[in-house]
PDB file of all heavy atoms in Angstrom:
ATOM      1  N   ARG A   1     104.968 -31.676 -59.586  1.00  0.00           N
ATOM      2  CA  ARG A   1     103.940 -31.551 -58.665  1.00  0.00           C
ATOM      3  C   ARG A   1     104.362 -32.174 -57.332  1.00  0.00           C
ATOM      4  O   ARG A   1     103.918 -31.594 -56.275  1.00  0.00           O
ATOM      5  CB  ARG A   1     102.667 -32.209 -59.156  1.00  0.00           C
ATOM      6  CG  ARG A   1     102.040 -31.523 -60.353  1.00  0.00           C
ATOM      7  CD  ARG A   1     101.545 -30.131 -60.047  1.00  0.00           C
ATOM      8  NE  ARG A   1     100.607 -29.620 -61.046  1.00  0.00           N
ATOM      9  CZ  ARG A   1     100.251 -28.320 -61.142  1.00  0.00           C
ATOM     10  NH1 ARG A   1     100.837 -27.389 -60.359  1.00  0.00           N
ATOM     11  NH2 ARG A   1      99.463 -27.842 -61.974  1.00  0.00           N
ATOM     12  N   CYS A   2     105.025 -33.248 -57.334  1.00  0.00           N
ATOM     13  CA  CYS A   2     105.493 -33.790 -56.016  1.00  0.00           C
ATOM     14  C   CYS A   2     106.400 -32.915 -55.296  1.00  0.00           C
ATOM     15  O   CYS A   2     106.206 -32.705 -54.068  1.00  0.00           O
ATOM     16  CB  CYS A   2     106.213 -35.147 -56.262  1.00  0.00           C
ATOM     17  SG  CYS A   2     106.704 -36.019 -54.774  1.00  0.00           S
ATOM     18  N   ASN A   3     107.363 -32.307 -55.988  1.00  0.00           N
ATOM     19  CA  ASN A   3     108.171 -31.290 -55.298  1.00  0.00           C
ATOM     20  C   ASN A   3     107.405 -30.082 -54.816  1.00  0.00           C
ATOM     21  O   ASN A   3     107.580 -29.598 -53.709  1.00  0.00           O
ATOM     22  CB  ASN A   3     109.258 -30.748 -56.278  1.00  0.00           C
ATOM     23  CG  ASN A   3     110.398 -31.836 -56.642  1.00  0.00           C
ATOM     24  OD1 ASN A   3     110.743 -32.610 -55.784  1.00  0.00           O
ATOM     25  ND2 ASN A   3     110.775 -31.875 -57.827  1.00  0.00           N
ATOM     26  N   GLU A   4     106.459 -29.627 -55.667  1.00  0.00           N
ATOM     27  CA  GLU A   4     105.640 -28.397 -55.341  1.00  0.00           C
ATOM     28  C   GLU A   4     104.711 -28.644 -54.198  1.00  0.00           C
ATOM     29  O   GLU A   4     104.557 -27.765 -53.305  1.00  0.00           O
ATOM     30  CB  GLU A   4     104.948 -28.002 -56.631  1.00  0.00           C
ATOM     31  CG  GLU A   4     103.972 -26.891 -56.534  1.00  0.00           C
ATOM     32  CD  GLU A   4     103.143 -26.640 -57.714  1.00  0.00           C
ATOM     33  OE1 GLU A   4     103.786 -26.701 -58.865  1.00  0.00           O
ATOM     34  OE2 GLU A   4     101.966 -26.498 -57.694  1.00  0.00           O
ATOM     35  N   ARG A   5     103.954 -29.736 -54.323  1.00  0.00           N
ATOM     36  CA  ARG A   5     102.854 -29.943 -53.374  1.00  0.00           C
ATOM     37  C   ARG A   5     103.139 -30.856 -52.165  1.00  0.00           C
ATOM     38  O   ARG A   5     102.288 -30.866 -51.244  1.00  0.00           O
ATOM     39  CB  ARG A   5     101.656 -30.510 -54.142  1.00  0.00           C
ATOM     40  CG  ARG A   5     101.123 -29.593 -55.287  1.00  0.00           C
ATOM     41  CD  ARG A   5     100.106 -30.217 -56.138  1.00  0.00           C
ATOM     42  NE  ARG A   5      99.478 -29.294 -57.057  1.00  0.00           N
ATOM     43  CZ  ARG A   5      98.499 -29.709 -57.987  1.00  0.00           C
ATOM     44  NH1 ARG A   5      98.123 -30.977 -57.992  1.00  0.00           N
ATOM     45  NH2 ARG A   5      98.035 -28.798 -58.748  1.00  0.00           N
ATOM     46  N   VAL A   6     104.218 -31.679 -52.258  1.00  0.00           N
ATOM     47  CA  VAL A   6     104.493 -32.633 -51.191  1.00  0.00           C
ATOM     48  C   VAL A   6     105.815 -32.173 -50.460  1.00  0.00           C
ATOM     49  O   VAL A   6     105.791 -31.840 -49.310  1.00  0.00           O
ATOM     50  CB  VAL A   6     104.442 -34.100 -51.623  1.00  0.00           C
ATOM     51  CG1 VAL A   6     104.733 -35.037 -50.529  1.00  0.00           C
ATOM     52  CG2 VAL A   6     103.136 -34.323 -52.337  1.00  0.00           C
ATOM     53  N   LYS A   7     106.884 -32.386 -51.212  1.00  0.00           N
ATOM     54  CA  LYS A   7     108.175 -32.175 -50.607  1.00  0.00           C
ATOM     55  C   LYS A   7     108.435 -30.759 -50.136  1.00  0.00           C
ATOM     56  O   LYS A   7     108.903 -30.547 -48.970  1.00  0.00           O
ATOM     57  CB  LYS A   7     109.296 -32.692 -51.576  1.00  0.00           C
ATOM     58  CG  LYS A   7     109.267 -34.157 -51.825  1.00  0.00           C
ATOM     59  CD  LYS A   7     110.300 -34.573 -52.919  1.00  0.00           C
ATOM     60  CE  LYS A   7     110.201 -36.030 -53.237  1.00  0.00           C
ATOM     61  NZ  LYS A   7     111.076 -36.418 -54.433  1.00  0.00           N
ATOM     62  N   PHE A   8     108.170 -29.798 -50.916  1.00  0.00           N
ATOM     63  CA  PHE A   8     108.472 -28.434 -50.629  1.00  0.00           C
ATOM     64  C   PHE A   8     107.248 -27.717 -49.939  1.00  0.00           C
ATOM     65  O   PHE A   8     107.393 -26.495 -49.716  1.00  0.00           O
ATOM     66  CB  PHE A   8     108.905 -27.628 -51.874  1.00  0.00           C
ATOM     67  CG  PHE A   8     110.276 -28.095 -52.351  1.00  0.00           C
ATOM     68  CD1 PHE A   8     110.786 -27.485 -53.525  1.00  0.00           C
ATOM     69  CD2 PHE A   8     110.977 -29.078 -51.769  1.00  0.00           C
ATOM     70  CE1 PHE A   8     112.031 -27.860 -54.007  1.00  0.00           C
ATOM     71  CE2 PHE A   8     112.202 -29.433 -52.253  1.00  0.00           C
ATOM     72  CZ  PHE A   8     112.699 -28.928 -53.436  1.00  0.00           C
ATOM     73  N   LYS A   9     106.247 -28.447 -49.657  1.00  0.00           N
ATOM     74  CA  LYS A   9     105.123 -27.922 -48.946  1.00  0.00           C
ATOM     75  C   LYS A   9     104.839 -28.596 -47.632  1.00  0.00           C
ATOM     76  O   LYS A   9     105.275 -28.145 -46.546  1.00  0.00           O
ATOM     77  CB  LYS A   9     103.847 -27.977 -49.871  1.00  0.00           C
ATOM     78  CG  LYS A   9     102.709 -27.215 -49.200  1.00  0.00           C
ATOM     79  CD  LYS A   9     101.443 -27.456 -50.145  1.00  0.00           C
ATOM     80  CE  LYS A   9     100.100 -26.782 -49.414  1.00  0.00           C
ATOM     81  NZ  LYS A   9      98.913 -27.189 -50.190  1.00  0.00           N
ATOM     82  N   ASP A  10     104.300 -29.816 -47.694  1.00  0.00           N
ATOM     83  CA  ASP A  10     103.981 -30.549 -46.456  1.00  0.00           C
ATOM     84  C   ASP A  10     105.183 -31.031 -45.716  1.00  0.00           C
ATOM     85  O   ASP A  10     105.310 -30.822 -44.432  1.00  0.00           O
ATOM     86  CB  ASP A  10     103.078 -31.708 -46.773  1.00  0.00           C
ATOM     87  CG  ASP A  10     101.701 -31.295 -47.280  1.00  0.00           C
ATOM     88  OD1 ASP A  10     100.852 -30.923 -46.492  1.00  0.00           O
ATOM     89  OD2 ASP A  10     101.493 -31.410 -48.478  1.00  0.00           O
ATOM     90  N   LEU A  11     106.184 -31.545 -46.462  1.00  0.00           N
ATOM     91  CA  LEU A  11     107.476 -31.934 -45.781  1.00  0.00           C
ATOM     92  C   LEU A  11     108.174 -30.644 -45.139  1.00  0.00           C
ATOM     93  O   LEU A  11     108.753 -30.832 -44.112  1.00  0.00           O
ATOM     94  CB  LEU A  11     108.354 -32.736 -46.717  1.00  0.00           C
ATOM     95  CG  LEU A  11     109.614 -33.183 -46.148  1.00  0.00           C
ATOM     96  CD1 LEU A  11     109.481 -34.027 -44.855  1.00  0.00           C
ATOM     97  CD2 LEU A  11     110.441 -33.978 -47.138  1.00  0.00           C
ATOM     98  N   LEU A  12     108.158 -29.665 -45.945  1.00  0.00           N
ATOM     99  CA  LEU A  12     108.888 -28.419 -45.472  1.00  0.00           C
ATOM    100  C   LEU A  12     108.174 -27.907 -44.208  1.00  0.00           C
ATOM    101  O   LEU A  12     108.837 -27.497 -43.232  1.00  0.00           O
ATOM    102  CB  LEU A  12     108.866 -27.330 -46.559  1.00  0.00           C
ATOM    103  CG  LEU A  12     109.716 -26.089 -46.330  1.00  0.00           C
ATOM    104  CD1 LEU A  12     110.297 -25.634 -47.724  1.00  0.00           C
ATOM    105  CD2 LEU A  12     108.894 -24.933 -45.717  1.00  0.00           C
ATOM    106  N   GLU A  13     106.898 -27.971 -44.165  1.00  0.00           N
ATOM    107  CA  GLU A  13     106.187 -27.578 -42.886  1.00  0.00           C
ATOM    108  C   GLU A  13     106.478 -28.410 -41.763  1.00  0.00           C
ATOM    109  O   GLU A  13     106.597 -28.038 -40.556  1.00  0.00           O
ATOM    110  CB  GLU A  13     104.676 -27.438 -43.144  1.00  0.00           C
ATOM    111  CG  GLU A  13     104.245 -26.388 -43.976  1.00  0.00           C
ATOM    112  CD  GLU A  13     104.729 -24.978 -43.528  1.00  0.00           C
ATOM    113  OE1 GLU A  13     104.590 -24.742 -42.209  1.00  0.00           O
ATOM    114  OE2 GLU A  13     105.190 -24.180 -44.332  1.00  0.00           O
ATOM    115  N   THR A  14     106.645 -29.781 -42.068  1.00  0.00           N
ATOM    116  CA  THR A  14     107.007 -30.763 -40.963  1.00  0.00           C
ATOM    117  C   THR A  14     108.424 -30.355 -40.486  1.00  0.00           C
ATOM    118  O   THR A  14     108.727 -30.480 -39.290  1.00  0.00           O
ATOM    119  CB  THR A  14     107.046 -32.183 -41.563  1.00  0.00           C
ATOM    120  OG1 THR A  14     105.712 -32.495 -41.975  1.00  0.00           O
ATOM    121  CG2 THR A  14     107.551 -33.254 -40.610  1.00  0.00           C
ATOM    122  N   ALA A  15     109.343 -30.056 -41.399  1.00  0.00           N
ATOM    123  CA  ALA A  15     110.705 -29.592 -40.926  1.00  0.00           C
ATOM    124  C   ALA A  15     110.603 -28.452 -40.009  1.00  0.00           C
ATOM    125  O   ALA A  15     111.347 -28.386 -39.010  1.00  0.00           O
ATOM    126  CB  ALA A  15     111.553 -29.255 -42.157  1.00  0.00           C
ATOM    127  N   LYS A  16     109.788 -27.490 -40.314  1.00  0.00           N
ATOM    128  CA  LYS A  16     109.573 -26.349 -39.408  1.00  0.00           C
ATOM    129  C   LYS A  16     109.028 -26.734 -38.055  1.00  0.00           C
ATOM    130  O   LYS A  16     109.426 -26.252 -36.943  1.00  0.00           O
ATOM    131  CB  LYS A  16     108.709 -25.326 -40.052  1.00  0.00           C
ATOM    132  CG  LYS A  16     109.376 -24.601 -41.276  1.00  0.00           C
ATOM    133  CD  LYS A  16     108.426 -23.506 -41.882  1.00  0.00           C
ATOM    134  CE  LYS A  16     109.172 -22.805 -43.015  1.00  0.00           C
ATOM    135  NZ  LYS A  16     108.391 -21.740 -43.651  1.00  0.00           N
ATOM    136  N   ASP A  17     108.108 -27.754 -38.068  1.00  0.00           N
ATOM    137  CA  ASP A  17     107.458 -28.255 -36.825  1.00  0.00           C
ATOM    138  C   ASP A  17     108.556 -28.874 -35.963  1.00  0.00           C
ATOM    139  O   ASP A  17     108.429 -29.007 -34.687  1.00  0.00           O
ATOM    140  CB  ASP A  17     106.371 -29.225 -37.102  1.00  0.00           C
ATOM    141  CG  ASP A  17     105.186 -28.610 -37.658  1.00  0.00           C
ATOM    142  OD1 ASP A  17     105.115 -27.383 -37.583  1.00  0.00           O
ATOM    143  OD2 ASP A  17     104.335 -29.304 -38.335  1.00  0.00           O
ATOM    144  N   LEU A  18     109.675 -29.420 -36.581  1.00  0.00           N
ATOM    145  CA  LEU A  18     110.691 -30.066 -35.897  1.00  0.00           C
ATOM    146  C   LEU A  18     111.743 -29.083 -35.487  1.00  0.00           C
ATOM    147  O   LEU A  18     112.821 -29.455 -34.989  1.00  0.00           O
ATOM    148  CB  LEU A  18     111.378 -31.112 -36.787  1.00  0.00           C
ATOM    149  CG  LEU A  18     110.478 -32.394 -37.082  1.00  0.00           C
ATOM    150  CD1 LEU A  18     111.122 -33.288 -38.175  1.00  0.00           C
ATOM    151  CD2 LEU A  18     110.232 -33.187 -35.834  1.00  0.00           C
ATOM    152  N   ASP A  19     111.452 -27.879 -35.621  1.00  0.00           N
ATOM    153  CA  ASP A  19     112.322 -26.699 -35.184  1.00  0.00           C
ATOM    154  C   ASP A  19     113.585 -26.678 -36.003  1.00  0.00           C
ATOM    155  O   ASP A  19     114.682 -26.285 -35.445  1.00  0.00           O
ATOM    156  CB  ASP A  19     112.586 -26.722 -33.671  1.00  0.00           C
ATOM    157  CG  ASP A  19     111.353 -26.489 -32.818  1.00  0.00           C
ATOM    158  OD1 ASP A  19     110.477 -25.683 -33.244  1.00  0.00           O
ATOM    159  OD2 ASP A  19     111.181 -27.068 -31.803  1.00  0.00           O
ATOM    160  N   ALA A  20     113.617 -27.143 -37.141  1.00  0.00           N
ATOM    161  CA  ALA A  20     114.706 -27.091 -38.045  1.00  0.00           C
ATOM    162  C   ALA A  20     114.985 -25.676 -38.615  1.00  0.00           C
ATOM    163  O   ALA A  20     114.051 -24.995 -38.865  1.00  0.00           O
ATOM    164  CB  ALA A  20     114.617 -28.073 -39.180  1.00  0.00           C
ATOM    165  N   ASP A  21     116.302 -25.367 -38.726  1.00  0.00           N
ATOM    166  CA  ASP A  21     116.648 -24.080 -39.252  1.00  0.00           C
ATOM    167  C   ASP A  21     116.467 -24.038 -40.824  1.00  0.00           C
ATOM    168  O   ASP A  21     116.235 -22.981 -41.421  1.00  0.00           O
ATOM    169  CB  ASP A  21     118.113 -23.706 -38.938  1.00  0.00           C
ATOM    170  CG  ASP A  21     118.246 -23.510 -37.442  1.00  0.00           C
ATOM    171  OD1 ASP A  21     117.982 -22.429 -36.976  1.00  0.00           O
ATOM    172  OD2 ASP A  21     118.759 -24.480 -36.708  1.00  0.00           O
ATOM    173  N   CYS A  22     116.539 -25.239 -41.392  1.00  0.00           N
ATOM    174  CA  CYS A  22     116.441 -25.301 -42.826  1.00  0.00           C
ATOM    175  C   CYS A  22     116.221 -26.828 -43.234  1.00  0.00           C
ATOM    176  O   CYS A  22     116.329 -27.655 -42.361  1.00  0.00           O
ATOM    177  CB  CYS A  22     117.669 -24.865 -43.595  1.00  0.00           C
ATOM    178  SG  CYS A  22     119.180 -25.835 -43.298  1.00  0.00           S
ATOM    179  N   MET A  23     115.841 -26.980 -44.471  1.00  0.00           N
ATOM    180  CA  MET A  23     115.712 -28.346 -45.049  1.00  0.00           C
ATOM    181  C   MET A  23     116.605 -28.488 -46.276  1.00  0.00           C
ATOM    182  O   MET A  23     116.710 -27.577 -47.133  1.00  0.00           O
ATOM    183  CB  MET A  23     114.256 -28.602 -45.491  1.00  0.00           C
ATOM    184  CG  MET A  23     113.957 -30.020 -45.949  1.00  0.00           C
ATOM    185  SD  MET A  23     112.202 -30.376 -46.287  1.00  0.00           S
ATOM    186  CE  MET A  23     112.186 -30.032 -47.981  1.00  0.00           C
ATOM    187  N   ALA A  24     117.334 -29.581 -46.224  1.00  0.00           N
ATOM    188  CA  ALA A  24     118.228 -29.890 -47.360  1.00  0.00           C
ATOM    189  C   ALA A  24     117.811 -31.134 -48.200  1.00  0.00           C
ATOM    190  O   ALA A  24     117.187 -31.997 -47.677  1.00  0.00           O
ATOM    191  CB  ALA A  24     119.709 -30.171 -46.807  1.00  0.00           C
ATOM    192  N   THR A  25     118.049 -31.054 -49.501  1.00  0.00           N
ATOM    193  CA  THR A  25     117.642 -32.162 -50.447  1.00  0.00           C
ATOM    194  C   THR A  25     118.866 -32.549 -51.244  1.00  0.00           C
ATOM    195  O   THR A  25     119.932 -31.748 -51.402  1.00  0.00           O
ATOM    196  CB  THR A  25     116.430 -31.803 -51.305  1.00  0.00           C
ATOM    197  OG1 THR A  25     116.913 -31.003 -52.351  1.00  0.00           O
ATOM    198  CG2 THR A  25     115.403 -31.065 -50.535  1.00  0.00           C
ATOM    199  N   GLY A  26     118.795 -33.571 -51.963  1.00  0.00           N
ATOM    200  CA  GLY A  26     119.814 -34.094 -52.830  1.00  0.00           C
ATOM    201  C   GLY A  26     119.708 -33.641 -54.281  1.00  0.00           C
ATOM    202  O   GLY A  26     120.271 -34.118 -55.209  1.00  0.00           O
ATOM    203  N   HIS A  27     118.794 -32.619 -54.482  1.00  0.00           N
ATOM    204  CA  HIS A  27     118.603 -32.123 -55.883  1.00  0.00           C
ATOM    205  C   HIS A  27     119.826 -31.499 -56.425  1.00  0.00           C
ATOM    206  O   HIS A  27     120.570 -30.796 -55.759  1.00  0.00           O
ATOM    207  CB  HIS A  27     117.438 -31.186 -55.900  1.00  0.00           C
ATOM    208  CG  HIS A  27     116.083 -31.811 -55.702  1.00  0.00           C
ATOM    209  ND1 HIS A  27     115.335 -31.672 -54.563  1.00  0.00           N
ATOM    210  CD2 HIS A  27     115.330 -32.538 -56.482  1.00  0.00           C
ATOM    211  CE1 HIS A  27     114.238 -32.315 -54.721  1.00  0.00           C
ATOM    212  NE2 HIS A  27     114.208 -32.897 -55.883  1.00  0.00           N
ATOM    213  N   TYR A  28     120.012 -31.612 -57.769  1.00  0.00           N
ATOM    214  CA  TYR A  28     121.132 -30.970 -58.411  1.00  0.00           C
ATOM    215  C   TYR A  28     120.711 -29.595 -59.004  1.00  0.00           C
ATOM    216  O   TYR A  28     120.172 -29.418 -60.149  1.00  0.00           O
ATOM    217  CB  TYR A  28     121.656 -31.830 -59.595  1.00  0.00           C
ATOM    218  CG  TYR A  28     122.500 -33.020 -59.063  1.00  0.00           C
ATOM    219  CD1 TYR A  28     121.865 -34.228 -58.708  1.00  0.00           C
ATOM    220  CD2 TYR A  28     123.897 -32.892 -58.833  1.00  0.00           C
ATOM    221  CE1 TYR A  28     122.622 -35.260 -58.210  1.00  0.00           C
ATOM    222  CE2 TYR A  28     124.647 -33.906 -58.290  1.00  0.00           C
ATOM    223  CZ  TYR A  28     124.030 -35.036 -57.955  1.00  0.00           C
ATOM    224  OH  TYR A  28     124.672 -36.181 -57.475  1.00  0.00           O
ATOM    225  N   ILE A  29     120.754 -28.637 -58.090  1.00  0.00           N
ATOM    226  CA  ILE A  29     120.338 -27.272 -58.439  1.00  0.00           C
ATOM    227  C   ILE A  29     121.137 -26.298 -57.399  1.00  0.00           C
ATOM    228  O   ILE A  29     121.508 -26.880 -56.290  1.00  0.00           O
ATOM    229  CB  ILE A  29     118.943 -27.039 -58.321  1.00  0.00           C
ATOM    230  CG1 ILE A  29     118.375 -25.757 -59.017  1.00  0.00           C
ATOM    231  CG2 ILE A  29     118.330 -27.105 -56.954  1.00  0.00           C
ATOM    232  CD1 ILE A  29     116.997 -25.703 -59.367  1.00  0.00           C
ATOM    233  N   GLN A  30     121.337 -25.063 -57.692  1.00  0.00           N
ATOM    234  CA  GLN A  30     122.068 -24.269 -56.841  1.00  0.00           C
ATOM    235  C   GLN A  30     121.209 -23.061 -56.199  1.00  0.00           C
ATOM    236  O   GLN A  30     120.349 -22.540 -56.968  1.00  0.00           O
ATOM    237  CB  GLN A  30     123.239 -23.670 -57.481  1.00  0.00           C
ATOM    238  CG  GLN A  30     124.231 -24.675 -57.970  1.00  0.00           C
ATOM    239  CD  GLN A  30     125.536 -24.100 -58.486  1.00  0.00           C
ATOM    240  OE1 GLN A  30     126.432 -23.687 -57.768  1.00  0.00           O
ATOM    241  NE2 GLN A  30     125.612 -23.978 -59.775  1.00  0.00           N
ATOM    242  N   ARG A  31     121.461 -22.813 -54.905  1.00  0.00           N
ATOM    243  CA  ARG A  31     120.845 -21.660 -54.344  1.00  0.00           C
ATOM    244  C   ARG A  31     121.896 -20.681 -54.051  1.00  0.00           C
ATOM    245  O   ARG A  31     122.882 -20.937 -53.289  1.00  0.00           O
ATOM    246  CB  ARG A  31     120.191 -22.117 -53.057  1.00  0.00           C
ATOM    247  CG  ARG A  31     119.639 -20.969 -52.098  1.00  0.00           C
ATOM    248  CD  ARG A  31     119.311 -21.614 -50.867  1.00  0.00           C
ATOM    249  NE  ARG A  31     118.629 -20.642 -49.848  1.00  0.00           N
ATOM    250  CZ  ARG A  31     119.224 -19.815 -49.079  1.00  0.00           C
ATOM    251  NH1 ARG A  31     120.581 -19.812 -49.077  1.00  0.00           N
ATOM    252  NH2 ARG A  31     118.549 -18.972 -48.261  1.00  0.00           N
ATOM    253  N   LYS A  32     121.837 -19.419 -54.594  1.00  0.00           N
ATOM    254  CA  LYS A  32     122.848 -18.434 -54.406  1.00  0.00           C
ATOM    255  C   LYS A  32     122.246 -17.184 -53.930  1.00  0.00           C
ATOM    256  O   LYS A  32     121.075 -16.846 -54.296  1.00  0.00           O
ATOM    257  CB  LYS A  32     123.565 -18.179 -55.852  1.00  0.00           C
ATOM    258  CG  LYS A  32     124.307 -19.365 -56.366  1.00  0.00           C
ATOM    259  CD  LYS A  32     125.027 -18.972 -57.722  1.00  0.00           C
ATOM    260  CE  LYS A  32     125.763 -20.177 -58.279  1.00  0.00           C
ATOM    261  NZ  LYS A  32     126.539 -19.755 -59.473  1.00  0.00           N
ATOM    262  N   MET A  33     122.964 -16.467 -53.085  1.00  0.00           N
ATOM    263  CA  MET A  33     122.494 -15.180 -52.567  1.00  0.00           C
ATOM    264  C   MET A  33     122.732 -14.112 -53.630  1.00  0.00           C
ATOM    265  O   MET A  33     123.815 -13.876 -54.133  1.00  0.00           O
ATOM    266  CB  MET A  33     123.224 -14.854 -51.261  1.00  0.00           C
ATOM    267  CG  MET A  33     122.830 -15.712 -50.157  1.00  0.00           C
ATOM    268  SD  MET A  33     121.016 -15.826 -49.790  1.00  0.00           S
ATOM    269  CE  MET A  33     120.669 -14.159 -49.282  1.00  0.00           C
ATOM    270  N   GLY A  34     121.611 -13.369 -53.908  1.00  0.00           N
ATOM    271  CA  GLY A  34     121.710 -12.198 -54.749  1.00  0.00           C
ATOM    272  C   GLY A  34     121.402 -10.973 -54.067  1.00  0.00           C
ATOM    273  O   GLY A  34     121.123 -10.937 -52.874  1.00  0.00           O
ATOM    274  N   ALA A  35     121.301  -9.835 -54.859  1.00  0.00           N
ATOM    275  CA  ALA A  35     121.029  -8.491 -54.178  1.00  0.00           C
ATOM    276  C   ALA A  35     119.709  -8.436 -53.456  1.00  0.00           C
ATOM    277  O   ALA A  35     119.525  -7.724 -52.464  1.00  0.00           O
ATOM    278  CB  ALA A  35     121.112  -7.442 -55.192  1.00  0.00           C
TER     279      ALA A  35
END
């Protein structure tokens, strides 16, 4: 719930307010480009 409702929601919006191109975290998971 913390990831869903706080870090990846409110904090993510804050990152956009700071004109960031993206937000990075130290989670052990992979993001890969698919079709």
